N, C-alpha and C. Protein backbone atom coordinates (compact mmCIF):
# COMPACT_ATOMS: atom_id res chain seq x y z
N MET A 1 0.81 -1.19 0.00
CA MET A 1 0.00 0.00 0.00
C MET A 1 0.86 1.25 0.00
N SER A 2 0.39 2.31 -0.62
CA SER A 2 1.17 3.53 -0.72
C SER A 2 0.93 4.42 0.48
N ASN A 3 1.73 5.46 0.57
CA ASN A 3 1.59 6.43 1.65
C ASN A 3 0.71 7.59 1.22
N PHE A 4 -0.19 7.35 0.32
CA PHE A 4 -1.08 8.39 -0.19
C PHE A 4 -1.95 8.93 0.93
N SER A 5 -1.96 10.24 1.06
CA SER A 5 -2.80 10.87 2.06
C SER A 5 -3.78 11.79 1.34
N MET A 6 -5.05 11.45 1.43
CA MET A 6 -6.09 12.20 0.74
C MET A 6 -6.50 13.42 1.56
N PRO A 7 -6.66 14.58 0.92
CA PRO A 7 -7.14 15.75 1.65
C PRO A 7 -8.51 15.45 2.28
N THR A 8 -8.76 16.00 3.44
CA THR A 8 -9.98 15.73 4.19
C THR A 8 -11.23 15.98 3.37
N GLN A 9 -11.28 17.08 2.66
CA GLN A 9 -12.47 17.41 1.87
C GLN A 9 -12.71 16.38 0.77
N ALA A 10 -11.65 15.92 0.12
CA ALA A 10 -11.79 14.90 -0.91
C ALA A 10 -12.24 13.58 -0.29
N ALA A 11 -11.70 13.22 0.87
CA ALA A 11 -12.10 11.99 1.56
C ALA A 11 -13.57 12.03 1.93
N GLU A 12 -14.07 13.19 2.31
CA GLU A 12 -15.49 13.33 2.64
C GLU A 12 -16.36 13.09 1.40
N HIS A 13 -15.92 13.58 0.24
CA HIS A 13 -16.65 13.36 -1.01
C HIS A 13 -16.68 11.87 -1.36
N VAL A 14 -15.55 11.20 -1.19
CA VAL A 14 -15.47 9.76 -1.47
C VAL A 14 -16.42 8.99 -0.55
N ALA A 15 -16.44 9.38 0.73
CA ALA A 15 -17.32 8.72 1.70
C ALA A 15 -18.79 8.94 1.34
N ARG A 16 -19.14 10.16 0.94
CA ARG A 16 -20.53 10.44 0.55
C ARG A 16 -20.93 9.66 -0.70
N LEU A 17 -20.02 9.55 -1.66
CA LEU A 17 -20.31 8.77 -2.85
C LEU A 17 -20.54 7.30 -2.49
N GLY A 18 -19.71 6.77 -1.62
CA GLY A 18 -19.89 5.40 -1.16
C GLY A 18 -21.24 5.20 -0.50
N GLN A 19 -21.65 6.16 0.31
CA GLN A 19 -22.96 6.08 0.97
C GLN A 19 -24.09 6.13 -0.05
N ARG A 20 -23.95 6.97 -1.05
CA ARG A 20 -24.97 7.08 -2.09
C ARG A 20 -25.09 5.78 -2.89
N ILE A 21 -23.97 5.17 -3.18
CA ILE A 21 -23.98 3.89 -3.89
C ILE A 21 -24.68 2.83 -3.04
N ARG A 22 -24.40 2.84 -1.74
CA ARG A 22 -25.05 1.88 -0.84
C ARG A 22 -26.56 2.09 -0.82
N VAL A 23 -26.99 3.34 -0.73
CA VAL A 23 -28.42 3.65 -0.73
C VAL A 23 -29.07 3.17 -2.04
N ALA A 24 -28.41 3.42 -3.16
CA ALA A 24 -28.95 3.00 -4.46
C ALA A 24 -29.08 1.48 -4.51
N ARG A 25 -28.09 0.78 -3.98
CA ARG A 25 -28.14 -0.69 -3.96
C ARG A 25 -29.30 -1.18 -3.09
N ILE A 26 -29.44 -0.62 -1.92
CA ILE A 26 -30.50 -1.03 -0.99
C ILE A 26 -31.88 -0.71 -1.57
N ARG A 27 -32.03 0.45 -2.20
CA ARG A 27 -33.32 0.81 -2.80
C ARG A 27 -33.73 -0.19 -3.88
N ARG A 28 -32.75 -0.79 -4.54
CA ARG A 28 -33.06 -1.77 -5.58
C ARG A 28 -33.32 -3.15 -4.99
N GLY A 29 -33.10 -3.27 -3.66
CA GLY A 29 -33.31 -4.56 -3.00
C GLY A 29 -32.21 -5.55 -3.29
N TRP A 30 -31.01 -5.05 -3.64
CA TRP A 30 -29.90 -5.92 -3.99
C TRP A 30 -28.98 -6.09 -2.80
N SER A 31 -28.46 -7.27 -2.65
CA SER A 31 -27.43 -7.53 -1.63
C SER A 31 -26.08 -7.08 -2.18
N VAL A 32 -25.09 -7.07 -1.30
CA VAL A 32 -23.73 -6.75 -1.75
C VAL A 32 -23.31 -7.76 -2.82
N ALA A 33 -23.64 -9.03 -2.60
CA ALA A 33 -23.28 -10.08 -3.57
C ALA A 33 -23.97 -9.85 -4.91
N ASP A 34 -25.25 -9.40 -4.88
CA ASP A 34 -25.98 -9.13 -6.13
C ASP A 34 -25.27 -8.06 -6.95
N LEU A 35 -25.00 -6.91 -6.34
CA LEU A 35 -24.39 -5.81 -7.07
C LEU A 35 -22.96 -6.15 -7.49
N ALA A 36 -22.22 -6.79 -6.61
CA ALA A 36 -20.85 -7.18 -6.96
C ALA A 36 -20.87 -8.09 -8.18
N GLY A 37 -21.82 -9.01 -8.21
CA GLY A 37 -21.94 -9.92 -9.36
C GLY A 37 -22.28 -9.19 -10.63
N LYS A 38 -23.23 -8.25 -10.55
CA LYS A 38 -23.62 -7.47 -11.74
C LYS A 38 -22.45 -6.63 -12.25
N ALA A 39 -21.63 -6.13 -11.34
CA ALA A 39 -20.49 -5.28 -11.71
C ALA A 39 -19.25 -6.10 -12.04
N GLY A 40 -19.28 -7.40 -11.73
CA GLY A 40 -18.12 -8.25 -12.02
C GLY A 40 -16.95 -7.99 -11.09
N ILE A 41 -17.25 -7.65 -9.84
CA ILE A 41 -16.19 -7.37 -8.88
C ILE A 41 -16.39 -8.24 -7.64
N ASN A 42 -15.41 -8.23 -6.78
CA ASN A 42 -15.43 -8.96 -5.52
C ASN A 42 -16.32 -8.24 -4.51
N ARG A 43 -17.00 -8.97 -3.65
CA ARG A 43 -17.85 -8.35 -2.62
C ARG A 43 -17.04 -7.43 -1.69
N ASN A 44 -15.82 -7.82 -1.37
CA ASN A 44 -14.98 -6.98 -0.50
C ASN A 44 -14.67 -5.64 -1.17
N THR A 45 -14.49 -5.66 -2.48
CA THR A 45 -14.21 -4.43 -3.22
C THR A 45 -15.42 -3.51 -3.18
N LEU A 46 -16.61 -4.08 -3.37
CA LEU A 46 -17.82 -3.27 -3.28
C LEU A 46 -18.01 -2.70 -1.88
N THR A 47 -17.75 -3.51 -0.88
CA THR A 47 -17.86 -3.03 0.51
C THR A 47 -16.89 -1.88 0.76
N ALA A 48 -15.67 -2.01 0.24
CA ALA A 48 -14.68 -0.94 0.39
C ALA A 48 -15.17 0.34 -0.29
N LEU A 49 -15.78 0.20 -1.47
CA LEU A 49 -16.31 1.36 -2.18
C LEU A 49 -17.42 2.02 -1.37
N GLU A 50 -18.35 1.21 -0.86
CA GLU A 50 -19.46 1.76 -0.08
C GLU A 50 -18.99 2.40 1.22
N LEU A 51 -17.87 1.94 1.75
CA LEU A 51 -17.31 2.53 2.97
C LEU A 51 -16.45 3.77 2.69
N GLY A 52 -16.28 4.07 1.41
CA GLY A 52 -15.51 5.26 1.04
C GLY A 52 -14.02 5.10 1.21
N LYS A 53 -13.52 3.89 1.04
CA LYS A 53 -12.07 3.65 1.13
C LYS A 53 -11.40 4.30 -0.07
N PRO A 54 -10.45 5.20 0.15
CA PRO A 54 -9.85 5.95 -0.95
C PRO A 54 -9.01 5.11 -1.91
N GLY A 55 -8.62 3.91 -1.55
CA GLY A 55 -7.80 3.09 -2.42
C GLY A 55 -8.59 2.35 -3.48
N THR A 56 -9.91 2.46 -3.45
CA THR A 56 -10.74 1.76 -4.43
C THR A 56 -10.58 2.43 -5.79
N ALA A 57 -10.34 1.63 -6.81
CA ALA A 57 -10.07 2.15 -8.15
C ALA A 57 -11.27 2.90 -8.72
N ILE A 58 -10.99 3.96 -9.45
CA ILE A 58 -12.06 4.76 -10.07
C ILE A 58 -12.83 3.92 -11.09
N GLY A 59 -12.16 2.99 -11.75
CA GLY A 59 -12.84 2.12 -12.70
C GLY A 59 -13.90 1.27 -12.02
N VAL A 60 -13.62 0.84 -10.81
CA VAL A 60 -14.60 0.07 -10.03
C VAL A 60 -15.81 0.94 -9.75
N CYS A 61 -15.57 2.16 -9.36
CA CYS A 61 -16.66 3.09 -9.06
C CYS A 61 -17.55 3.29 -10.29
N PHE A 62 -16.94 3.53 -11.42
CA PHE A 62 -17.70 3.75 -12.66
C PHE A 62 -18.48 2.49 -13.05
N THR A 63 -17.87 1.33 -12.87
CA THR A 63 -18.53 0.07 -13.21
C THR A 63 -19.73 -0.18 -12.31
N VAL A 64 -19.58 0.11 -11.03
CA VAL A 64 -20.70 -0.07 -10.10
C VAL A 64 -21.83 0.90 -10.44
N LEU A 65 -21.50 2.13 -10.75
CA LEU A 65 -22.54 3.09 -11.16
C LEU A 65 -23.23 2.61 -12.43
N TRP A 66 -22.48 2.03 -13.36
CA TRP A 66 -23.08 1.47 -14.57
C TRP A 66 -24.04 0.33 -14.21
N ALA A 67 -23.61 -0.56 -13.32
CA ALA A 67 -24.45 -1.69 -12.93
C ALA A 67 -25.74 -1.22 -12.26
N LEU A 68 -25.67 -0.10 -11.58
CA LEU A 68 -26.86 0.49 -10.93
C LEU A 68 -27.72 1.28 -11.91
N GLY A 69 -27.20 1.51 -13.11
CA GLY A 69 -27.92 2.34 -14.08
C GLY A 69 -27.76 3.82 -13.82
N LEU A 70 -26.73 4.17 -13.08
CA LEU A 70 -26.49 5.57 -12.72
C LEU A 70 -25.29 6.18 -13.45
N ASP A 71 -24.79 5.49 -14.47
CA ASP A 71 -23.60 5.99 -15.16
C ASP A 71 -23.84 7.31 -15.88
N ASN A 72 -25.08 7.62 -16.26
CA ASN A 72 -25.35 8.92 -16.88
C ASN A 72 -25.13 10.08 -15.92
N SER A 73 -25.19 9.80 -14.61
CA SER A 73 -24.96 10.86 -13.64
C SER A 73 -23.51 11.33 -13.66
N LEU A 74 -22.63 10.57 -14.32
CA LEU A 74 -21.22 10.95 -14.41
C LEU A 74 -20.97 12.04 -15.45
N ASP A 75 -21.94 12.28 -16.32
CA ASP A 75 -21.75 13.26 -17.38
C ASP A 75 -21.42 14.66 -16.84
N ALA A 76 -21.91 14.98 -15.68
CA ALA A 76 -21.68 16.31 -15.12
C ALA A 76 -20.35 16.41 -14.37
N VAL A 77 -19.71 15.28 -14.11
CA VAL A 77 -18.45 15.29 -13.35
C VAL A 77 -17.35 15.91 -14.19
N ALA A 78 -16.75 16.96 -13.68
CA ALA A 78 -15.64 17.66 -14.35
C ALA A 78 -15.99 18.11 -15.77
N ASP A 79 -17.25 18.44 -15.99
CA ASP A 79 -17.69 18.94 -17.30
C ASP A 79 -17.02 20.28 -17.57
N PRO A 80 -16.30 20.41 -18.68
CA PRO A 80 -15.60 21.66 -18.98
C PRO A 80 -16.55 22.87 -19.04
N ASP A 81 -17.79 22.65 -19.46
CA ASP A 81 -18.74 23.75 -19.53
C ASP A 81 -19.15 24.25 -18.15
N GLY A 82 -19.04 23.40 -17.15
CA GLY A 82 -19.40 23.79 -15.79
C GLY A 82 -18.22 24.31 -14.98
N ASP A 83 -17.04 24.31 -15.58
CA ASP A 83 -15.81 24.75 -14.89
C ASP A 83 -15.65 26.26 -15.00
N LEU A 84 -16.39 26.98 -14.18
CA LEU A 84 -16.37 28.44 -14.25
C LEU A 84 -15.00 29.01 -13.93
N HIS A 85 -14.31 28.43 -12.95
CA HIS A 85 -12.97 28.91 -12.59
C HIS A 85 -12.00 28.71 -13.76
N GLY A 86 -12.04 27.53 -14.36
CA GLY A 86 -11.16 27.25 -15.50
C GLY A 86 -11.45 28.16 -16.68
N LYS A 87 -12.74 28.40 -16.92
CA LYS A 87 -13.12 29.30 -18.02
C LYS A 87 -12.60 30.71 -17.77
N ALA A 88 -12.71 31.17 -16.53
CA ALA A 88 -12.23 32.51 -16.20
C ALA A 88 -10.72 32.61 -16.39
N LEU A 89 -10.00 31.59 -15.96
CA LEU A 89 -8.55 31.59 -16.15
C LEU A 89 -8.19 31.57 -17.63
N GLU A 90 -8.91 30.77 -18.40
CA GLU A 90 -8.65 30.68 -19.83
C GLU A 90 -8.86 32.03 -20.51
N SER A 91 -9.96 32.68 -20.18
CA SER A 91 -10.25 33.97 -20.83
C SER A 91 -9.28 35.06 -20.39
N SER A 92 -8.73 34.94 -19.19
CA SER A 92 -7.77 35.95 -18.74
C SER A 92 -6.43 35.83 -19.46
N HIS A 93 -6.17 34.70 -20.10
CA HIS A 93 -4.92 34.49 -20.83
C HIS A 93 -5.05 34.82 -22.31
N ARG A 94 -6.24 35.14 -22.74
CA ARG A 94 -6.44 35.48 -24.15
C ARG A 94 -5.94 36.90 -24.40
N PRO A 95 -5.49 37.17 -25.61
CA PRO A 95 -5.06 38.53 -25.92
C PRO A 95 -6.25 39.50 -25.80
N THR A 96 -5.96 40.70 -25.35
CA THR A 96 -7.03 41.67 -25.16
C THR A 96 -7.47 42.30 -26.48
N ARG A 97 -6.60 42.32 -27.47
CA ARG A 97 -7.01 42.84 -28.77
C ARG A 97 -6.41 41.96 -29.86
N ALA A 98 -7.11 41.90 -30.92
CA ALA A 98 -6.66 41.07 -32.04
C ALA A 98 -5.59 41.81 -32.82
N GLY A 99 -4.72 41.05 -33.42
CA GLY A 99 -3.69 41.64 -34.26
C GLY A 99 -4.27 42.02 -35.62
N LYS A 100 -3.46 42.73 -36.42
CA LYS A 100 -3.89 43.13 -37.76
C LYS A 100 -4.08 41.91 -38.63
N VAL A 101 -5.07 41.98 -39.49
CA VAL A 101 -5.27 40.94 -40.48
C VAL A 101 -4.24 41.17 -41.57
N ARG A 102 -3.46 40.16 -41.82
CA ARG A 102 -2.42 40.29 -42.84
C ARG A 102 -2.91 39.65 -44.13
N LYS A 103 -2.68 40.37 -45.21
CA LYS A 103 -3.07 39.85 -46.52
C LYS A 103 -2.03 38.86 -46.99
N THR A 104 -2.51 37.79 -47.57
CA THR A 104 -1.59 36.82 -48.16
C THR A 104 -1.54 37.05 -49.65
N SER A 105 -0.63 36.41 -50.30
CA SER A 105 -0.52 36.58 -51.76
C SER A 105 -1.76 36.08 -52.47
N ASP A 106 -2.53 35.20 -51.83
CA ASP A 106 -3.76 34.69 -52.45
C ASP A 106 -4.85 35.74 -52.50
N ASP A 107 -4.75 36.79 -51.69
CA ASP A 107 -5.80 37.82 -51.66
C ASP A 107 -5.94 38.56 -52.98
N TYR A 108 -4.88 38.57 -53.80
CA TYR A 108 -4.91 39.31 -55.05
C TYR A 108 -4.98 38.38 -56.26
N ASP A 109 -5.26 37.10 -56.00
CA ASP A 109 -5.31 36.11 -57.06
C ASP A 109 -6.70 36.12 -57.69
N PHE A 110 -6.80 36.56 -58.93
CA PHE A 110 -8.11 36.63 -59.60
C PHE A 110 -8.22 35.48 -60.48
């Protein structure tokens, strides 16, 4: 195991996601074994995901969401159109005025 230390805020998000996955599983009336089987993973791996263990692979998370039919909810995750901070930074790096339009030799080709 690595010495990876997750920031507290990120760990809280992982824990909440695990709880949400657990709620979705229970609402469907599925056992841990049922969902693990549908996702093609080990029951211990699913339990680790539901407990918010940070070492659980992101691919496992996406596969479990797919098995639950919730994979479309991932479309909003890190959507560039929703990244207001990134957009602001990008626009601040753009030139403030455009340069002169330069004519090429093709402009006079009749």
